[in-house]
């Protein structure tokens, strides 16, 4: 039985989540505030986390960041009344995998959780160590070194880098990157992809203005070349 952790302070929403997921065969645990959320996460080891953005005691942003630091592979679906695009971008930058705005459809939320579980079950065994140019990546440790020096990457940058490394020499559209890396079929702006590519170039290319590895394919998208 797949275990879901819902970090949500509203009792009515808690009841709705319990009904939705228990009737669908999931085991669901609820943490009612940001203060206790990480203790519950460690004790239950959920496969998927549903995270309210606005919590008493500790913010959803802080919890999202810490969960991804401890368990980068656990999908996080943010659930919040906030509809500001900046909040969505921020949560995806921190590593959240999906975003549902209140009031939400229980069927839609259940479908997104099921999709996240399917992606976990279907993920093939992945290489954890890669190198190209003077860059070495260890995805198990979430560490990257360039010419021997440690270079910090955000969880989303690690996701994008892994996707490129697993699709070497293949032209990838912005829409595919948004769908496969962010888990979205649609997104406020594809400029988010361009911003992340720019950051990877600045951090990993010898000359970001003349990239050797992360190349633009005009009118189509990008291609990683070793």
Protein backbone atom coordinates (compact mmCIF):
# COMPACT_ATOMS: atom_id res chain seq x y z
CA UNK A 1 0.00 0.00 0.00
CA UNK A 2 1.46 3.38 -1.03
CA UNK A 3 1.79 5.86 1.82
CA UNK A 4 0.92 9.56 1.36
CA UNK A 5 1.87 12.27 3.83
CA UNK A 6 -0.43 15.31 3.82
CA UNK A 7 1.01 18.37 5.56
CA UNK A 8 -2.13 20.47 6.00
CA UNK A 9 -3.55 22.49 8.92
CA UNK A 10 -7.19 22.88 7.84
CA UNK A 11 -9.32 20.15 9.52
CA UNK A 12 -11.91 20.19 6.72
CA UNK A 13 -9.22 19.70 4.07
CA UNK A 14 -7.63 16.97 6.19
CA UNK A 15 -10.94 15.08 6.27
CA UNK A 16 -11.38 15.49 2.51
CA UNK A 17 -7.86 14.18 1.88
CA UNK A 18 -8.40 11.19 4.17
CA UNK A 19 -11.66 10.26 2.42
CA UNK A 20 -10.15 10.68 -1.03
CA UNK A 21 -7.00 8.66 -0.52
CA UNK A 22 -8.26 5.97 1.87
CA UNK A 23 -11.14 5.15 -0.49
CA UNK A 24 -8.57 4.84 -3.31
CA UNK A 25 -6.46 2.35 -1.35
CA UNK A 26 -3.72 4.65 -0.12
CA UNK A 27 -2.43 4.84 3.43
CA UNK A 28 -2.48 8.51 4.43
CA UNK A 29 -0.85 10.26 7.39
CA UNK A 30 -1.55 13.89 8.27
CA UNK A 31 0.78 16.44 9.86
CA UNK A 32 -1.16 19.46 11.08
CA UNK A 33 1.57 22.08 11.26
CA UNK A 34 4.99 22.97 9.95
CA UNK A 35 6.69 22.34 13.28
CA UNK A 36 5.90 18.62 13.42
CA UNK A 37 5.99 17.99 9.65
CA UNK A 38 9.60 16.83 9.37
CA UNK A 39 9.32 14.48 12.36
CA UNK A 40 6.26 12.86 10.76
CA UNK A 41 8.04 12.68 7.40
CA UNK A 42 11.02 10.88 8.92
CA UNK A 43 8.86 8.45 10.90
CA UNK A 44 6.49 7.51 8.06
CA UNK A 45 8.81 7.52 4.98
CA UNK A 46 6.00 8.38 2.52
CA UNK A 47 6.19 7.77 -1.21
CA UNK A 48 4.43 11.08 -1.98
CA UNK A 49 4.01 14.31 0.00
CA UNK A 50 1.07 16.72 -0.31
CA UNK A 51 2.25 20.02 1.14
CA UNK A 52 0.18 23.08 2.05
CA UNK A 53 2.10 26.24 1.26
CA UNK A 54 0.87 28.24 4.26
CA UNK A 55 1.33 26.48 7.57
CA UNK A 56 1.57 27.46 11.23
CA UNK A 57 4.99 27.04 12.81
CA UNK A 58 7.08 26.72 9.66
CA UNK A 59 6.60 27.68 6.03
CA UNK A 60 5.87 25.26 3.23
CA UNK A 61 8.90 26.61 1.37
CA UNK A 62 11.23 25.58 4.22
CA UNK A 63 9.66 22.12 4.47
CA UNK A 64 9.85 21.59 0.70
CA UNK A 65 13.53 22.53 0.71
CA UNK A 66 14.36 20.19 3.61
CA UNK A 67 12.43 17.19 2.22
CA UNK A 68 14.22 17.53 -1.11
CA UNK A 69 17.55 17.80 0.68
CA UNK A 70 16.89 14.61 2.65
CA UNK A 71 15.00 12.62 -0.02
CA UNK A 72 15.37 14.16 -3.49
CA UNK A 73 13.34 11.40 -5.15
CA UNK A 74 10.14 11.85 -3.09
CA UNK A 75 7.52 13.71 -5.18
CA UNK A 76 6.04 16.81 -3.52
CA UNK A 77 2.64 18.16 -4.63
CA UNK A 78 2.05 21.64 -3.28
CA UNK A 79 -1.51 22.44 -2.22
CA UNK A 80 -2.27 26.07 -1.48
CA UNK A 81 -4.77 28.89 -1.80
CA UNK A 82 -1.97 31.05 -3.20
CA UNK A 83 -2.39 31.66 -6.93
CA UNK A 84 0.52 34.01 -7.51
CA UNK A 85 2.81 32.81 -10.30
CA UNK A 86 5.86 33.84 -8.28
CA UNK A 87 4.89 31.33 -5.58
CA UNK A 88 4.60 28.58 -8.19
CA UNK A 89 7.99 29.37 -9.67
CA UNK A 90 9.55 29.54 -6.21
CA UNK A 91 8.19 26.14 -5.18
CA UNK A 92 9.35 24.53 -8.42
CA UNK A 93 12.76 26.13 -7.93
CA UNK A 94 12.90 24.49 -4.50
CA UNK A 95 12.16 21.12 -6.07
CA UNK A 96 8.37 20.67 -5.81
CA UNK A 97 7.01 18.37 -8.52
CA UNK A 98 3.48 19.72 -8.95
CA UNK A 99 1.16 22.51 -7.76
CA UNK A 100 -2.59 22.40 -7.12
CA UNK A 101 -4.52 25.53 -6.15
CA UNK A 102 -7.37 25.49 -3.62
CA UNK A 103 -10.25 24.92 -3.96
CA UNK A 104 -9.14 21.69 -5.60
CA UNK A 105 -10.85 18.75 -7.23
CA UNK A 106 -10.23 15.59 -5.16
CA UNK A 107 -10.29 13.52 -8.37
CA UNK A 108 -7.66 15.74 -9.98
CA UNK A 109 -5.42 15.61 -6.91
CA UNK A 110 -5.78 11.83 -6.70
CA UNK A 111 -4.92 11.53 -10.40
CA UNK A 112 -1.77 13.61 -9.92
CA UNK A 113 -0.66 11.54 -6.95
CA UNK A 114 -1.26 8.33 -8.90
CA UNK A 115 0.78 9.75 -11.79
CA UNK A 116 3.62 10.56 -9.39
CA UNK A 117 3.56 7.01 -8.02
CA UNK A 118 3.56 5.58 -11.56
CA UNK A 119 6.61 7.65 -12.42
CA UNK A 120 8.36 6.29 -9.34
CA UNK A 121 7.45 2.70 -10.25
CA UNK A 122 8.46 3.08 -13.88
CA UNK A 123 11.75 4.88 -13.31
CA UNK A 124 14.54 2.64 -14.60
CA UNK A 125 17.77 2.09 -12.73
CA UNK A 126 19.77 5.25 -13.21
CA UNK A 127 23.46 5.87 -13.36
CA UNK A 128 24.58 8.00 -10.45
CA UNK A 129 28.06 9.06 -11.60
CA UNK A 130 28.65 11.12 -14.74
CA UNK A 131 31.45 13.23 -16.15
CA UNK A 132 31.85 15.56 -19.13
CA UNK A 133 34.57 18.09 -19.82
CA UNK A 134 35.98 19.04 -16.42
CA UNK A 135 32.65 18.35 -14.68
CA UNK A 136 31.96 15.38 -12.39
CA UNK A 137 28.46 14.67 -11.02
CA UNK A 138 27.38 12.36 -8.21
CA UNK A 139 23.59 12.23 -8.14
CA UNK A 140 23.49 10.00 -5.05
CA UNK A 141 25.26 12.67 -3.02
CA UNK A 142 23.73 15.54 -5.04
CA UNK A 143 27.25 16.89 -5.56
CA UNK A 144 28.84 18.43 -8.62
CA UNK A 145 32.46 19.44 -9.09
CA UNK A 146 33.97 21.52 -11.86
CA UNK A 147 37.75 21.31 -12.16
CA UNK A 148 37.71 19.78 -8.68
CA UNK A 149 35.78 22.65 -7.06
CA UNK A 150 32.33 22.03 -5.57
CA UNK A 151 29.58 23.85 -7.50
CA UNK A 152 26.17 24.23 -5.80
CA UNK A 153 23.09 23.35 -7.86
CA UNK A 154 19.42 23.65 -6.91
CA UNK A 155 17.29 20.46 -6.89
CA UNK A 156 15.64 21.62 -10.12
CA UNK A 157 19.01 22.19 -11.78
CA UNK A 158 20.05 18.65 -10.79
CA UNK A 159 16.80 17.33 -12.32
CA UNK A 160 17.38 19.18 -15.57
CA UNK A 161 21.02 18.11 -15.72
CA UNK A 162 20.12 14.45 -15.21
CA UNK A 163 17.50 14.63 -17.95
CA UNK A 164 20.04 16.09 -20.39
CA UNK A 165 22.66 13.49 -19.46
CA UNK A 166 20.12 10.69 -20.02
CA UNK A 167 19.22 12.15 -23.43
CA UNK A 168 22.65 12.97 -24.81
CA UNK A 169 22.79 14.27 -28.42
CA UNK A 170 18.98 14.42 -28.67
CA UNK A 171 17.20 17.69 -29.46
CA UNK A 172 14.75 18.42 -26.63
CA UNK A 173 11.97 20.99 -26.87
CA UNK A 174 11.10 23.43 -24.10
CA UNK A 175 7.67 21.80 -23.79
CA UNK A 176 9.26 18.37 -23.23
CA UNK A 177 11.60 19.80 -20.61
CA UNK A 178 8.67 21.38 -18.77
CA UNK A 179 6.72 18.14 -18.87
CA UNK A 180 9.55 15.75 -17.99
CA UNK A 181 11.59 17.87 -15.57
CA UNK A 182 8.88 19.92 -13.89
CA UNK A 183 6.09 17.37 -14.31
CA UNK A 184 3.82 19.91 -15.99
CA UNK A 185 2.00 19.72 -19.31
CA UNK A 186 1.58 23.49 -19.21
CA UNK A 187 3.41 26.21 -17.34
CA UNK A 188 3.17 29.99 -17.01
CA UNK A 189 6.16 30.62 -19.29
CA UNK A 190 8.76 28.61 -21.18
CA UNK A 191 11.26 31.31 -20.24
CA UNK A 192 11.67 29.32 -17.03
CA UNK A 193 13.51 26.69 -19.12
CA UNK A 194 15.71 29.34 -20.72
CA UNK A 195 16.58 30.74 -17.29
CA UNK A 196 17.64 27.31 -16.02
CA UNK A 197 19.72 26.64 -19.14
CA UNK A 198 21.46 29.98 -18.66
CA UNK A 199 22.27 29.09 -15.05
CA UNK A 200 23.65 25.68 -16.01
CA UNK A 201 25.83 27.33 -18.65
CA UNK A 202 27.09 29.92 -16.18
CA UNK A 203 27.96 27.22 -13.66
CA UNK A 204 29.24 24.43 -15.92
CA UNK A 205 30.48 25.82 -19.23
CA UNK A 206 34.00 27.17 -19.62
CA UNK A 207 32.57 30.02 -21.71
CA UNK A 208 28.81 30.45 -21.13
CA UNK A 209 28.61 32.75 -24.16
CA UNK A 210 29.96 29.94 -26.39
CA UNK A 211 28.56 26.76 -24.80
CA UNK A 212 30.11 23.43 -25.76
CA UNK A 213 27.70 21.14 -23.89
CA UNK A 214 24.32 22.87 -23.51
CA UNK A 215 23.61 23.98 -27.06
CA UNK A 216 20.67 25.92 -28.44
CA UNK A 217 18.86 24.42 -31.43
CA UNK A 218 17.15 27.50 -32.81
CA UNK A 219 13.43 27.21 -33.27
CA UNK A 220 13.32 23.86 -31.47
CA UNK A 221 14.97 23.73 -28.05
CA UNK A 222 18.26 22.46 -26.65
CA UNK A 223 20.73 19.60 -27.01
CA UNK A 224 23.35 18.25 -24.62
CA UNK A 225 26.64 17.25 -26.22
CA UNK A 226 29.40 15.61 -24.24
